[in-house]
C-alpha atoms as a PDB file:
ATOM      1  CA  MET A   1     105.884 138.876 110.128  1.00  0.00           C
ATOM      2  CA  THR A   2     107.893 137.898 113.108  1.00  0.00           C
ATOM      3  CA  THR A   3     110.419 135.114 113.108  1.00  0.00           C
ATOM      4  CA  GLU A   4     108.138 133.021 115.353  1.00  0.00           C
ATOM      5  CA  ALA A   5     105.193 133.737 112.972  1.00  0.00           C
ATOM      6  CA  LYS A   6     107.488 132.670 109.739  1.00  0.00           C
ATOM      7  CA  GLN A   7     108.447 129.414 111.780  1.00  0.00           C
ATOM      8  CA  SER A   8     104.783 128.496 112.635  1.00  0.00           C
ATOM      9  CA  GLN A   9     103.714 129.205 108.986  1.00  0.00           C
ATOM     10  CA  ALA A  10     106.403 127.023 107.686  1.00  0.00           C
ATOM     11  CA  SER A  11     105.575 124.232 110.079  1.00  0.00           C
ATOM     12  CA  GLU A  12     101.847 124.457 108.881  1.00  0.00           C
ATOM     13  CA  ASP A  13     103.061 124.348 105.264  1.00  0.00           C
ATOM     14  CA  LEU A  14     105.086 120.975 105.950  1.00  0.00           C
ATOM     15  CA  TYR A  15     102.697 119.472 108.367  1.00  0.00           C
ATOM     16  CA  PRO A  16      99.263 120.594 107.374  1.00  0.00           C
ATOM     17  CA  ILE A  17      96.505 120.093 110.051  1.00  0.00           C
ATOM     18  CA  SER A  18      93.261 119.043 108.717  1.00  0.00           C
ATOM     19  CA  ALA A  19      89.954 120.295 110.250  1.00  0.00           C
ATOM     20  CA  ASP A  20      88.356 116.799 109.654  1.00  0.00           C
ATOM     21  CA  PRO A  21      88.693 114.702 112.682  1.00  0.00           C
ATOM     22  CA  ALA A  22      87.941 111.512 110.605  1.00  0.00           C
ATOM     23  CA  LYS A  23      91.535 111.678 109.101  1.00  0.00           C
ATOM     24  CA  TYR A  24      93.103 110.932 112.467  1.00  0.00           C
ATOM     25  CA  VAL A  25      91.019 108.052 113.579  1.00  0.00           C
ATOM     26  CA  THR A  26      90.802 104.537 112.074  1.00  0.00           C
ATOM     27  CA  LEU A  27      87.181 104.071 112.512  1.00  0.00           C
ATOM     28  CA  PRO A  28      84.761 104.569 111.008  1.00  0.00           C
ATOM     29  CA  VAL A  29      86.101 103.348 107.667  1.00  0.00           C
ATOM     30  CA  GLN A  30      85.489 106.097 104.997  1.00  0.00           C
ATOM     31  CA  ASN A  31      86.712 104.061 101.891  1.00  0.00           C
ATOM     32  CA  GLU A  32      85.356 100.557 102.165  1.00  0.00           C
ATOM     33  CA  LYS A  33      86.848  99.169  98.901  1.00  0.00           C
ATOM     34  CA  ILE A  34      90.447 100.255  99.978  1.00  0.00           C
ATOM     35  CA  TRP A  35      89.878  98.960 103.383  1.00  0.00           C
ATOM     36  CA  ARG A  36      88.968  95.542 102.146  1.00  0.00           C
ATOM     37  CA  MET A  37      92.169  95.267 100.244  1.00  0.00           C
ATOM     38  CA  TYR A  38      94.216  96.177 103.421  1.00  0.00           C
ATOM     39  CA  GLN A  39      92.280  93.628 105.328  1.00  0.00           C
ATOM     40  CA  THR A  40      93.257  91.078 102.574  1.00  0.00           C
ATOM     41  CA  THR A  41      96.969  91.759 103.212  1.00  0.00           C
ATOM     42  CA  LEU A  42      96.365  90.977 106.758  1.00  0.00           C
ATOM     43  CA  ASP A  43      94.484  87.681 105.825  1.00  0.00           C
ATOM     44  CA  TRP A  44      97.354  86.711 103.432  1.00  0.00           C
ATOM     45  CA  PHE A  45     100.107  87.270 105.959  1.00  0.00           C
ATOM     46  CA  TRP A  46     103.074  84.867 105.615  1.00  0.00           C
ATOM     47  CA  THR A  47     106.579  84.677 106.651  1.00  0.00           C
ATOM     48  CA  VAL A  48     109.871  82.851 105.405  1.00  0.00           C
ATOM     49  CA  TYR A  49     109.174  80.140 107.827  1.00  0.00           C
ATOM     50  CA  ASP A  50     106.106  79.006 105.786  1.00  0.00           C
ATOM     51  CA  VAL A  51     108.467  77.944 102.934  1.00  0.00           C
ATOM     52  CA  TYR A  52     110.635  74.822 102.944  1.00  0.00           C
ATOM     53  CA  LEU A  53     114.086  75.204 101.161  1.00  0.00           C
ATOM     54  CA  ILE A  54     116.329  72.300 101.962  1.00  0.00           C
ATOM     55  CA  ASN A  55     115.939  70.200  98.632  1.00  0.00           C
ATOM     56  CA  ASP A  56     116.017  73.199  96.346  1.00  0.00           C
ATOM     57  CA  LYS A  57     119.777  73.220  95.761  1.00  0.00           C
ATOM     58  CA  GLU A  58     119.881  69.375  94.988  1.00  0.00           C
ATOM     59  CA  ASN A  59     116.988  69.730  92.726  1.00  0.00           C
ATOM     60  CA  MET A  60     118.552  72.555  90.824  1.00  0.00           C
ATOM     61  CA  GLN A  61     121.654  70.609  90.371  1.00  0.00           C
ATOM     62  CA  LYS A  62     119.832  67.470  89.130  1.00  0.00           C
ATOM     63  CA  ASN A  63     117.496  69.151  86.488  1.00  0.00           C
ATOM     64  CA  PHE A  64     119.553  72.079  85.138  1.00  0.00           C
ATOM     65  CA  ASP A  65     122.791  72.498  83.246  1.00  0.00           C
ATOM     66  CA  GLU A  66     125.480  75.026  84.613  1.00  0.00           C
ATOM     67  CA  GLU A  67     124.278  77.926  82.523  1.00  0.00           C
ATOM     68  CA  GLN A  68     120.795  77.483  83.430  1.00  0.00           C
ATOM     69  CA  ARG A  69     121.623  77.208  87.085  1.00  0.00           C
ATOM     70  CA  HIS A  70     123.483  80.379  86.955  1.00  0.00           C
ATOM     71  CA  TYR A  71     120.648  82.104  85.201  1.00  0.00           C
ATOM     72  CA  ILE A  72     118.039  81.152  87.838  1.00  0.00           C
ATOM     73  CA  MET A  73     120.464  82.589  90.602  1.00  0.00           C
ATOM     74  CA  GLN A  74     120.793  85.732  88.523  1.00  0.00           C
ATOM     75  CA  LEU A  75     117.059  86.188  88.376  1.00  0.00           C
ATOM     76  CA  LEU A  76     116.804  85.880  92.139  1.00  0.00           C
ATOM     77  CA  ALA A  77     119.667  88.390  92.638  1.00  0.00           C
ATOM     78  CA  PHE A  78     117.906  90.757  90.102  1.00  0.00           C
ATOM     79  CA  MET A  79     114.718  90.502  92.214  1.00  0.00           C
ATOM     80  CA  PHE A  80     116.531  90.997  95.582  1.00  0.00           C
ATOM     81  CA  THR A  81     118.619  93.841  94.603  1.00  0.00           C
ATOM     82  CA  THR A  82     116.262  95.932  92.394  1.00  0.00           C
ATOM     83  CA  HIS A  83     112.734  95.343  93.469  1.00  0.00           C
ATOM     84  CA  TYR A  84     113.030  94.695  97.119  1.00  0.00           C
ATOM     85  CA  THR A  85     116.155  96.703  97.991  1.00  0.00           C
ATOM     86  CA  THR A  86     116.975  99.539  95.781  1.00  0.00           C
ATOM     87  CA  ILE A  87     113.579 100.663  94.550  1.00  0.00           C
ATOM     88  CA  ASN A  88     111.005  99.902  97.227  1.00  0.00           C
ATOM     89  CA  LYS A  89     112.962 101.305 100.242  1.00  0.00           C
ATOM     90  CA  GLU A  90     112.321 104.795  98.937  1.00  0.00           C
ATOM     91  CA  LEU A  91     109.061 104.149  97.150  1.00  0.00           C
ATOM     92  CA  PHE A  92     106.885 102.993  99.854  1.00  0.00           C
ATOM     93  CA  MET A  93     108.036 105.918 102.265  1.00  0.00           C
ATOM     94  CA  GLN A  94     107.053 108.341  99.521  1.00  0.00           C
ATOM     95  CA  LEU A  95     103.752 106.852  98.859  1.00  0.00           C
ATOM     96  CA  MET A  96     102.862 106.661 102.687  1.00  0.00           C
ATOM     97  CA  ASN A  97     103.734 110.327 103.344  1.00  0.00           C
ATOM     98  CA  GLN A  98     102.016 111.600 100.071  1.00  0.00           C
ATOM     99  CA  VAL A  99      98.823 109.757  99.872  1.00  0.00           C
ATOM    100  CA  GLU A 100      95.954 111.385 102.022  1.00  0.00           C
ATOM    101  CA  ILE A 101      93.601 108.453 102.199  1.00  0.00           C
ATOM    102  CA  LYS A 102      93.952 106.805 105.642  1.00  0.00           C
ATOM    103  CA  GLU A 103      92.917 103.268 104.379  1.00  0.00           C
ATOM    104  CA  ALA A 104      95.531 103.684 101.746  1.00  0.00           C
ATOM    105  CA  VAL A 105      98.285 104.464 104.365  1.00  0.00           C
ATOM    106  CA  TYR A 106      97.244 101.297 106.333  1.00  0.00           C
ATOM    107  CA  TYR A 107      97.502  99.408 102.971  1.00  0.00           C
ATOM    108  CA  TYR A 108     100.955 100.634 102.063  1.00  0.00           C
ATOM    109  CA  GLY A 109     102.109 100.136 105.522  1.00  0.00           C
ATOM    110  CA  SER A 110     101.068  96.456 105.574  1.00  0.00           C
ATOM    111  CA  GLN A 111     102.854  96.156 102.087  1.00  0.00           C
ATOM    112  CA  ALA A 112     105.960  97.674 103.321  1.00  0.00           C
ATOM    113  CA  ASP A 113     106.199  94.960 105.864  1.00  0.00           C
ATOM    114  CA  ALA A 114     105.402  92.422 103.150  1.00  0.00           C
ATOM    115  CA  LYS A 115     108.362  93.667 101.027  1.00  0.00           C
ATOM    116  CA  LYS A 116     110.621  92.916 103.903  1.00  0.00           C
ATOM    117  CA  THR A 117     109.496  89.321 103.764  1.00  0.00           C
ATOM    118  CA  HIS A 118     109.990  89.297 100.093  1.00  0.00           C
ATOM    119  CA  SER A 119     113.557  90.525 100.498  1.00  0.00           C
ATOM    120  CA  MET A 120     114.376  88.050 103.074  1.00  0.00           C
ATOM    121  CA  MET A 121     112.952  85.312 101.139  1.00  0.00           C
ATOM    122  CA  TYR A 122     114.965  86.081  98.060  1.00  0.00           C
ATOM    123  CA  SER A 123     118.073  86.345 100.065  1.00  0.00           C
ATOM    124  CA  MET A 124     117.395  82.987 101.621  1.00  0.00           C
ATOM    125  CA  LEU A 125     116.956  81.392  98.434  1.00  0.00           C
ATOM    126  CA  LEU A 126     120.099  82.756  97.225  1.00  0.00           C
ATOM    127  CA  ASP A 127     121.804  81.518 100.416  1.00  0.00           C
ATOM    128  CA  GLU A 128     120.350  77.891  99.781  1.00  0.00           C
ATOM    129  CA  LEU A 129     121.252  77.734  96.085  1.00  0.00           C
ATOM    130  CA  THR A 130     124.862  78.908  96.775  1.00  0.00           C
ATOM    131  CA  ARG A 131     125.314  76.814  99.946  1.00  0.00           C
ATOM    132  CA  GLY A 132     128.765  75.591 100.024  1.00  0.00           C
ATOM    133  CA  ASP A 133     130.314  78.550  98.283  1.00  0.00           C
ATOM    134  CA  PRO A 134     130.441  81.497 100.595  1.00  0.00           C
ATOM    135  CA  ASN A 135     131.618  83.949  97.741  1.00  0.00           C
ATOM    136  CA  LEU A 136     129.192  82.985  94.998  1.00  0.00           C
ATOM    137  CA  LYS A 137     126.257  84.873  96.387  1.00  0.00           C
ATOM    138  CA  ASN A 138     127.779  88.162  96.391  1.00  0.00           C
ATOM    139  CA  SER A 139     129.522  87.512  93.173  1.00  0.00           C
ATOM    140  CA  ILE A 140     126.123  86.998  91.370  1.00  0.00           C
ATOM    141  CA  ILE A 141     124.623  90.001  93.030  1.00  0.00           C
ATOM    142  CA  ARG A 142     127.741  92.097  91.858  1.00  0.00           C
ATOM    143  CA  GLU A 143     127.421  90.574  88.420  1.00  0.00           C
ATOM    144  CA  VAL A 144     123.700  91.552  88.057  1.00  0.00           C
ATOM    145  CA  VAL A 145     123.933  95.101  89.340  1.00  0.00           C
ATOM    146  CA  GLY A 146     126.986  95.799  87.302  1.00  0.00           C
ATOM    147  CA  MET A 147     124.903  95.265  83.940  1.00  0.00           C
ATOM    148  CA  ASP A 148     124.358  98.315  82.050  1.00  0.00           C
ATOM    149  CA  HIS A 149     120.812  97.683  81.325  1.00  0.00           C
ATOM    150  CA  VAL A 150     120.101  96.919  85.045  1.00  0.00           C
ATOM    151  CA  LYS A 151     121.666 100.166  86.072  1.00  0.00           C
ATOM    152  CA  GLU A 152     119.739 102.008  83.494  1.00  0.00           C
ATOM    153  CA  PHE A 153     116.467 100.399  84.717  1.00  0.00           C
ATOM    154  CA  ILE A 154     117.134 101.234  88.311  1.00  0.00           C
ATOM    155  CA  ARG A 155     117.888 104.817  87.401  1.00  0.00           C
ATOM    156  CA  TRP A 156     114.529 105.061  85.513  1.00  0.00           C
ATOM    157  CA  SER A 157     112.674 103.373  88.213  1.00  0.00           C
ATOM    158  CA  ILE A 158     113.915 105.609  90.859  1.00  0.00           C
ATOM    159  CA  GLN A 159     113.502 108.773  88.861  1.00  0.00           C
ATOM    160  CA  ASN A 160     109.837 107.998  87.739  1.00  0.00           C
ATOM    161  CA  THR A 161     108.557 106.499  91.186  1.00  0.00           C
ATOM    162  CA  THR A 162     110.368 108.919  93.624  1.00  0.00           C
ATOM    163  CA  SER A 163     111.135 112.131  91.975  1.00  0.00           C
ATOM    164  CA  SER A 164     109.346 115.310  93.296  1.00  0.00           C
ATOM    165  CA  ASN A 165     109.327 116.556  89.752  1.00  0.00           C
ATOM    166  CA  LYS A 166     106.511 113.954  88.862  1.00  0.00           C
ATOM    167  CA  ASP A 167     102.856 114.110  89.702  1.00  0.00           C
ATOM    168  CA  PHE A 168     101.560 111.500  92.152  1.00  0.00           C
ATOM    169  CA  ALA A 169      99.585 109.876  89.347  1.00  0.00           C
ATOM    170  CA  GLN A 170     102.736 109.536  87.209  1.00  0.00           C
ATOM    171  CA  ARG A 171     104.601 107.893  90.007  1.00  0.00           C
ATOM    172  CA  LEU A 172     101.711 105.692  90.701  1.00  0.00           C
ATOM    173  CA  LEU A 173     101.517 104.404  87.040  1.00  0.00           C
ATOM    174  CA  ALA A 174     105.387 103.946  86.917  1.00  0.00           C
ATOM    175  CA  PHE A 175     104.999 101.918  90.315  1.00  0.00           C
ATOM    176  CA  ALA A 176     102.320  99.760  88.460  1.00  0.00           C
ATOM    177  CA  THR A 177     104.502  98.956  85.585  1.00  0.00           C
ATOM    178  CA  LEU A 178     107.195  97.650  87.943  1.00  0.00           C
ATOM    179  CA  GLN A 179     104.516  95.195  89.455  1.00  0.00           C
ATOM    180  CA  GLY A 180     102.709  94.444  86.290  1.00  0.00           C
ATOM    181  CA  ILE A 181     105.186  94.542  83.592  1.00  0.00           C
ATOM    182  CA  ILE A 182     108.968  94.297  84.545  1.00  0.00           C
ATOM    183  CA  PHE A 183     108.804  92.168  87.660  1.00  0.00           C
ATOM    184  CA  THR A 184     105.979  89.946  86.334  1.00  0.00           C
ATOM    185  CA  VAL A 185     108.634  88.459  83.968  1.00  0.00           C
ATOM    186  CA  PRO A 186     110.743  86.579  86.650  1.00  0.00           C
ATOM    187  CA  PHE A 187     107.519  85.359  88.207  1.00  0.00           C
ATOM    188  CA  VAL A 188     106.364  83.801  84.870  1.00  0.00           C
ATOM    189  CA  LEU A 189     109.806  82.369  84.233  1.00  0.00           C
ATOM    190  CA  PHE A 190     109.874  80.586  87.494  1.00  0.00           C
ATOM    191  CA  ASN A 191     106.339  79.424  86.828  1.00  0.00           C
ATOM    192  CA  TRP A 192     107.723  78.118  83.503  1.00  0.00           C
ATOM    193  CA  ILE A 193     110.396  76.218  85.466  1.00  0.00           C
ATOM    194  CA  GLN A 194     107.818  74.286  87.419  1.00  0.00           C
ATOM    195  CA  LYS A 195     105.952  73.519  84.359  1.00  0.00           C
ATOM    196  CA  GLN A 196     108.997  71.889  82.875  1.00  0.00           C
ATOM    197  CA  PHE A 197     109.927  70.128  86.220  1.00  0.00           C
ATOM    198  CA  PRO A 198     106.785  69.869  88.298  1.00  0.00           C
ATOM    199  CA  SER A 199     108.360  68.312  91.384  1.00  0.00           C
ATOM    200  CA  THR A 200     111.733  70.445  91.268  1.00  0.00           C
ATOM    201  CA  MET A 201     112.626  73.209  93.625  1.00  0.00           C
ATOM    202  CA  PRO A 202     109.557  73.155  96.074  1.00  0.00           C
ATOM    203  CA  GLY A 203     110.833  76.200  97.880  1.00  0.00           C
ATOM    204  CA  LEU A 204     111.238  78.537  94.873  1.00  0.00           C
ATOM    205  CA  LYS A 205     107.656  77.268  93.623  1.00  0.00           C
ATOM    206  CA  ASN A 206     106.013  78.121  96.914  1.00  0.00           C
ATOM    207  CA  SER A 207     107.704  81.477  97.456  1.00  0.00           C
ATOM    208  CA  ASN A 208     107.117  82.547  93.845  1.00  0.00           C
ATOM    209  CA  GLU A 209     103.389  81.814  94.328  1.00  0.00           C
ATOM    210  CA  LEU A 210     103.156  83.783  97.607  1.00  0.00           C
ATOM    211  CA  ILE A 211     105.186  86.737  96.366  1.00  0.00           C
ATOM    212  CA  TRP A 212     103.514  86.841  92.974  1.00  0.00           C
ATOM    213  CA  ARG A 213     100.068  86.982  94.702  1.00  0.00           C
ATOM    214  CA  ASP A 214     101.223  89.775  96.919  1.00  0.00           C
ATOM    215  CA  GLU A 215     102.432  91.669  93.862  1.00  0.00           C
ATOM    216  CA  LYS A 216      99.501  91.048  91.764  1.00  0.00           C
ATOM    217  CA  LEU A 217      97.341  92.532  94.663  1.00  0.00           C
ATOM    218  CA  ASN A 218      99.667  95.630  94.669  1.00  0.00           C
ATOM    219  CA  LEU A 219      99.002  96.064  90.917  1.00  0.00           C
ATOM    220  CA  LYS A 220      95.297  95.729  91.499  1.00  0.00           C
ATOM    221  CA  PHE A 221      95.506  98.327  94.296  1.00  0.00           C
ATOM    222  CA  SER A 222      97.611 100.930  92.255  1.00  0.00           C
ATOM    223  CA  CYS A 223      95.032 100.729  89.447  1.00  0.00           C
ATOM    224  CA  MET A 224      92.210 101.063  91.823  1.00  0.00           C
ATOM    225  CA  LEU A 225      93.754 104.025  93.645  1.00  0.00           C
ATOM    226  CA  PHE A 226      93.440 106.061  90.562  1.00  0.00           C
ATOM    227  CA  GLU A 227      89.581 106.317  91.179  1.00  0.00           C
ATOM    228  CA  TYR A 228      90.471 108.241  94.472  1.00  0.00           C
ATOM    229  CA  ILE A 229      93.320 110.711  93.585  1.00  0.00           C
ATOM    230  CA  ASP A 230      92.791 114.266  92.148  1.00  0.00           C
ATOM    231  CA  ASP A 231      95.801 113.861  89.660  1.00  0.00           C
ATOM    232  CA  SER A 232      94.843 112.766  86.252  1.00  0.00           C
ATOM    233  CA  LEU A 233      97.043 111.428  83.485  1.00  0.00           C
ATOM    234  CA  THR A 234      96.498 112.168  79.650  1.00  0.00           C
ATOM    235  CA  LYS A 235      96.434 109.168  77.317  1.00  0.00           C
ATOM    236  CA  GLU A 236      99.785 110.466  75.943  1.00  0.00           C
ATOM    237  CA  GLU A 237     101.361 110.644  79.409  1.00  0.00           C
ATOM    238  CA  ALA A 238     100.212 107.234  80.221  1.00  0.00           C
ATOM    239  CA  HIS A 239     101.610 105.785  76.912  1.00  0.00           C
ATOM    240  CA  ASP A 240     105.034 107.445  77.390  1.00  0.00           C
ATOM    241  CA  ILE A 241     105.442 105.778  80.718  1.00  0.00           C
ATOM    242  CA  ILE A 242     104.213 102.409  79.503  1.00  0.00           C
ATOM    243  CA  LYS A 243     106.359 102.499  76.557  1.00  0.00           C
ATOM    244  CA  GLU A 244     109.490 103.406  78.569  1.00  0.00           C
ATOM    245  CA  ALA A 245     108.825 100.548  80.958  1.00  0.00           C
ATOM    246  CA  VAL A 246     108.230  98.057  78.077  1.00  0.00           C
ATOM    247  CA  SER A 247     111.514  99.222  76.480  1.00  0.00           C
ATOM    248  CA  HIS A 248     113.333  98.487  79.880  1.00  0.00           C
ATOM    249  CA  ALA A 249     111.672  95.161  80.162  1.00  0.00           C
ATOM    250  CA  LYS A 250     112.775  94.023  76.834  1.00  0.00           C
ATOM    251  CA  ASN A 251     116.254  95.126  77.355  1.00  0.00           C
ATOM    252  CA  LEU A 252     116.437  93.321  80.526  1.00  0.00           C
ATOM    253  CA  PHE A 253     115.114  89.868  79.511  1.00  0.00           C
ATOM    254  CA  CYS A 254     116.279  89.827  75.962  1.00  0.00           C
ATOM    255  CA  HIS A 255     119.842  91.306  76.551  1.00  0.00           C
ATOM    256  CA  ALA A 256     120.965  91.579  80.246  1.00  0.00           C
ATOM    257  CA  LEU A 257     119.090  88.505  81.458  1.00  0.00           C
ATOM    258  CA  PRO A 258     118.076  86.827  78.248  1.00  0.00           C
ATOM    259  CA  VAL A 259     115.445  84.230  78.740  1.00  0.00           C
ATOM    260  CA  SER A 260     116.931  82.344  75.821  1.00  0.00           C
ATOM    261  CA  LYS A 261     119.192  80.774  78.590  1.00  0.00           C
ATOM    262  CA  LEU A 262     116.121  78.984  79.787  1.00  0.00           C
ATOM    263  CA  GLY A 263     115.273  77.890  76.242  1.00  0.00           C
ATOM    264  CA  MET A 264     112.543  80.349  75.852  1.00  0.00           C
ATOM    265  CA  GLY A 265     112.237  82.623  72.709  1.00  0.00           C
ATOM    266  CA  CYS A 266     112.740  86.341  73.023  1.00  0.00           C
ATOM    267  CA  ASP A 267     109.939  87.175  70.634  1.00  0.00           C
ATOM    268  CA  LEU A 268     107.546  85.373  72.961  1.00  0.00           C
ATOM    269  CA  ILE A 269     108.720  87.227  76.176  1.00  0.00           C
ATOM    270  CA  GLU A 270     108.470  90.676  74.177  1.00  0.00           C
ATOM    271  CA  GLN A 271     104.802  89.672  73.198  1.00  0.00           C
ATOM    272  CA  PHE A 272     104.107  88.867  76.810  1.00  0.00           C
ATOM    273  CA  ILE A 273     105.637  92.076  78.005  1.00  0.00           C
ATOM    274  CA  GLU A 274     103.466  94.052  75.550  1.00  0.00           C
ATOM    275  CA  HIS A 275     100.290  91.996  76.703  1.00  0.00           C
ATOM    276  CA  CYS A 276     101.111  92.939  80.230  1.00  0.00           C
ATOM    277  CA  ALA A 277     101.423  96.608  79.097  1.00  0.00           C
ATOM    278  CA  ASP A 278      98.073  96.507  77.671  1.00  0.00           C
ATOM    279  CA  LYS A 279      96.484  94.933  80.587  1.00  0.00           C
ATOM    280  CA  ILE A 280      97.463  97.974  82.812  1.00  0.00           C
ATOM    281  CA  LEU A 281      96.113 100.419  80.366  1.00  0.00           C
ATOM    282  CA  ALA A 282      92.824  98.350  79.894  1.00  0.00           C
ATOM    283  CA  ASP A 283      92.375  98.529  83.822  1.00  0.00           C
ATOM    284  CA  LEU A 284      92.876 102.253  83.874  1.00  0.00           C
ATOM    285  CA  ARG A 285      90.444 102.487  80.929  1.00  0.00           C
ATOM    286  CA  ILE A 286      92.986 104.074  78.502  1.00  0.00           C
ATOM    287  CA  ASP A 287      93.365 102.884  74.917  1.00  0.00           C
ATOM    288  CA  ARG A 288      95.774 100.030  74.566  1.00  0.00           C
ATOM    289  CA  ILE A 289      99.078 100.293  72.496  1.00  0.00           C
ATOM    290  CA  TYR A 290     100.009  96.875  71.495  1.00  0.00           C
ATOM    291  CA  GLU A 291      96.804  94.841  71.186  1.00  0.00           C
ATOM    292  CA  LYS A 292      98.798  91.749  72.013  1.00  0.00           C
ATOM    293  CA  GLU A 293      97.414  88.493  73.559  1.00  0.00           C
ATOM    294  CA  SER A 294      99.487  86.541  76.020  1.00  0.00           C
ATOM    295  CA  PRO A 295     101.571  83.767  74.242  1.00  0.00           C
ATOM    296  CA  PHE A 296     101.682  81.682  77.453  1.00  0.00           C
ATOM    297  CA  ASP A 297      98.400  79.678  77.890  1.00  0.00           C
ATOM    298  CA  TRP A 298     100.092  77.839  80.704  1.00  0.00           C
ATOM    299  CA  VAL A 299     100.617  80.893  82.993  1.00  0.00           C
ATOM    300  CA  GLU A 300      98.587  80.373  86.186  1.00  0.00           C
ATOM    301  CA  GLU A 301      98.415  83.879  87.649  1.00  0.00           C
ATOM    302  CA  PRO A 302      97.492  84.204  91.241  1.00  0.00           C
ATOM    303  CA  LYS A 303      94.034  85.138  92.366  1.00  0.00           C
ATOM    304  CA  THR A 304      93.599  88.518  94.197  1.00  0.00           C
ATOM    305  CA  GLU A 305      89.963  88.413  95.382  1.00  0.00           C
ATOM    306  CA  THR A 306      89.751  90.137  98.687  1.00  0.00           C
ATOM    307  CA  TYR A 307      89.014  87.955 101.707  1.00  0.00           C
ATOM    308  CA  GLN A 308      90.414  84.939 100.127  1.00  0.00           C
ATOM    309  CA  SER A 309      91.586  82.143 102.564  1.00  0.00           C
ATOM    310  CA  LYS A 310      94.927  82.483 104.178  1.00  0.00           C
ATOM    311  CA  ALA A 311      98.251  81.621 102.274  1.00  0.00           C
ATOM    312  CA  SER A 312      97.643  78.918  99.945  1.00  0.00           C
ATOM    313  CA  MET A 313     100.600  77.186 101.076  1.00  0.00           C
ATOM    314  CA  ASN A 314      99.617  76.927 104.691  1.00  0.00           C
ATOM    315  CA  ASN A 315     100.428  73.270 104.837  1.00  0.00           C
ATOM    316  CA  VAL A 316     104.075  73.470 103.875  1.00  0.00           C
ATOM    317  CA  VAL A 317     106.492  72.591 106.622  1.00  0.00           C
ATOM    318  CA  ASP A 318     108.486  75.105 108.508  1.00  0.00           C
ATOM    319  CA  MET A 319     111.923  76.358 106.950  1.00  0.00           C
ATOM    320  CA  SER A 320     114.593  74.652 108.850  1.00  0.00           C
ATOM    321  CA  ALA A 321     117.723  75.903 107.025  1.00  0.00           C
ATOM    322  CA  SER A 322     120.030  78.152 108.804  1.00  0.00           C
ATOM    323  CA  PHE A 323     119.992  81.888 108.084  1.00  0.00           C
ATOM    324  CA  GLY A 324     123.822  82.051 108.041  1.00  0.00           C
ATOM    325  CA  GLU A 325     125.466  85.275 107.891  1.00  0.00           C
ATOM    326  CA  ALA A 326     124.424  86.513 104.585  1.00  0.00           C
ATOM    327  CA  LYS A 327     126.095  89.742 103.523  1.00  0.00           C
ATOM    328  CA  PHE A 328     125.392  92.222 100.882  1.00  0.00           C
ATOM    329  CA  THR A 329     128.228  94.485  99.725  1.00  0.00           C
ATOM    330  CA  THR A 330     128.642  96.351  96.461  1.00  0.00           C
ATOM    331  CA  ASP A 331     130.603  99.546  95.523  1.00  0.00           C
ATOM    332  CA  ILE A 332     128.917  99.974  92.128  1.00  0.00           C
ATOM    333  CA  ASP A 333     127.294 103.514  91.664  1.00  0.00           C
ATOM    334  CA  PHE A 334     123.995 103.696  89.860  1.00  0.00           C
END
């Protein structure tokens, strides 16, 4: 084989050209169920300017003691530096490049944009809550990413969601555990804060509802996508991934960022984590592991029906706080 022929073959292997023209045009839609979920992401589009933050710092100062205030900011730093900065940057590029369903590519593209909004929102929340202390934001971020359990979780997440040694189905389930187990805990904790103090921190409340709704849709999409992919998971493989995610979640929220700082029992959050794990398995029609019910009857999970109305907080006033010159620097290796 000539050099030119080898180069041509290598190019075909890297960039396979399908004989099906439907793969290269948007319409007609071939997978209506996936397309409806993509349309929902458009219907739910929101920006940081839909959230009002001005009074959040004063509310936090008034209603929480120093340890609780620090913990709230730690949770925000955790969400900003792990889910929306460290992990998703690589993950969404991988998913978009590897999935072969054009409607799913549209969905992931839309959600990649939403992640940027989430990241900016968490950064702005931290800016607001640390207003007046230019060094506090970076100090809290460095503190959180320097925690051993956080670094272990980040390594596990990257390895299991982006590694080429993992099947697509394994990576997809690992991604679902991030959305449905680990990152669900901070959403519930922020929800719990609102239950304790209904009128406090409206910016945190509104942004939490919007981001949580987006993440629940992502979880629903991840579980649904298993119906369309050729890769399959054995029960043992699925259980192994779920158990590892549960272990990391418990380490994070009972040790690194213990929920006891907000007055919540670790036993309750562990039960909730196991309940979330069982829900994912049930959605995938795989045997449950823990058989646990949610200990929190007050949790108001966001609705994820497709073609729901626009963002539920459309009536909030525009964000008028200054962006400032937020900077994120860290020399900690993961």
